[in-house]
Amino acid sequence: MHELSIAVNIVDIASEEAKRLNARRVESVHLKVGALSGVAKDALLFAWDMASEDTTVAGSRLAIEDALGRELEVTALEIEDGSP
């Protein structure tokens, strides 16, 4: 199941961006997945909790937007601000 490695990569991207933004935690990750990307949406959702365990992304929601092409991209993060 290559969706687990994809989920791990998305967690890495979201974690790095959350750190850059000084976020306390990530509440949701928005992703655009194309029908021709070769990614099984259900398998990616299934792998999400395992991939994000023990990270700033743990417990976040993976919001997937369907697209027509081959795209697979993180489009937005919803974060809890960590600044004082």
Protein backbone atom coordinates (compact mmCIF):
# COMPACT_ATOMS: atom_id res chain seq x y z
CA MET A 1 0.00 0.00 0.00
CA HIS A 2 1.91 3.02 -1.25
CA GLU A 3 -0.72 5.31 0.28
CA LEU A 4 0.99 4.91 3.67
CA SER A 5 4.24 6.34 2.31
CA ILE A 6 2.27 9.13 0.64
CA ALA A 7 0.53 9.87 3.96
CA VAL A 8 3.91 9.96 5.72
CA ASN A 9 5.20 12.46 3.13
CA ILE A 10 2.11 14.65 3.57
CA VAL A 11 2.61 14.56 7.35
CA ASP A 12 6.24 15.63 6.86
CA ILE A 13 5.18 18.55 4.64
CA ALA A 14 2.44 19.63 7.07
CA SER A 15 4.76 19.29 10.09
CA GLU A 16 7.46 21.43 8.47
CA GLU A 17 4.94 24.11 7.53
CA ALA A 18 3.39 24.04 11.01
CA LYS A 19 6.83 24.52 12.53
CA ARG A 20 7.54 27.41 10.17
CA LEU A 21 4.24 29.02 11.21
CA ASN A 22 4.88 28.38 14.93
CA ALA A 23 1.68 26.33 15.13
CA ARG A 24 0.74 24.49 18.30
CA ARG A 25 -0.88 21.77 16.21
CA VAL A 26 -2.44 21.12 12.83
CA GLU A 27 -6.23 20.82 12.87
CA SER A 28 -6.72 19.81 9.24
CA VAL A 29 -4.75 19.22 6.07
CA HIS A 30 -6.43 19.97 2.76
CA LEU A 31 -5.33 17.87 -0.17
CA LYS A 32 -6.23 17.82 -3.84
CA VAL A 33 -6.13 14.33 -5.37
CA GLY A 34 -6.59 13.78 -9.08
CA ALA A 35 -8.48 10.79 -10.44
CA LEU A 36 -5.43 9.91 -12.55
CA SER A 37 -2.92 10.23 -9.69
CA GLY A 38 -2.98 6.53 -8.86
CA VAL A 39 -3.84 7.26 -5.23
CA ALA A 40 -6.72 5.37 -3.61
CA LYS A 41 -8.56 7.94 -1.53
CA ASP A 42 -9.97 5.40 0.96
CA ALA A 43 -6.54 3.82 1.51
CA LEU A 44 -4.99 7.25 2.08
CA LEU A 45 -7.65 8.13 4.64
CA PHE A 46 -7.12 4.75 6.32
CA ALA A 47 -3.34 5.34 6.57
CA TRP A 48 -3.67 8.92 7.82
CA ASP A 49 -3.95 8.26 11.59
CA MET A 50 -1.04 5.83 11.58
CA ALA A 51 1.18 8.18 9.55
CA SER A 52 0.46 11.20 11.75
CA GLU A 53 0.75 9.46 15.13
CA ASP A 54 3.07 11.26 17.59
CA THR A 55 3.44 14.36 15.37
CA THR A 56 1.99 17.89 15.45
CA VAL A 57 -0.42 16.57 12.82
CA ALA A 58 -1.80 13.80 15.08
CA GLY A 59 -5.57 13.97 15.43
CA SER A 60 -5.96 16.24 12.44
CA ARG A 61 -8.50 15.75 9.70
CA LEU A 62 -7.41 14.97 6.15
CA ALA A 63 -9.79 16.84 3.85
CA ILE A 64 -9.55 15.50 0.31
CA GLU A 65 -10.81 17.42 -2.71
CA ASP A 66 -11.30 15.33 -5.83
CA ALA A 67 -9.76 16.58 -9.06
CA LEU A 68 -9.73 15.35 -12.65
CA GLY A 69 -6.03 15.17 -13.47
CA ARG A 70 -2.89 13.70 -11.94
CA GLU A 71 -2.43 16.26 -9.19
CA LEU A 72 -1.60 15.32 -5.64
CA GLU A 73 -0.94 18.45 -3.63
CA VAL A 74 -1.38 19.91 -0.19
CA THR A 75 -3.49 23.01 -0.74
CA ALA A 76 -4.01 24.35 2.80
CA LEU A 77 -3.47 23.76 6.50
CA GLU A 78 -5.75 24.76 9.33
CA ILE A 79 -3.63 25.28 12.44
CA GLU A 80 -3.92 26.18 16.08
CA ASP A 81 -1.69 29.18 16.55
CA GLY A 82 1.14 28.66 18.99
CA SER A 83 2.20 32.27 19.39
CA PRO A 84 1.63 34.04 22.71
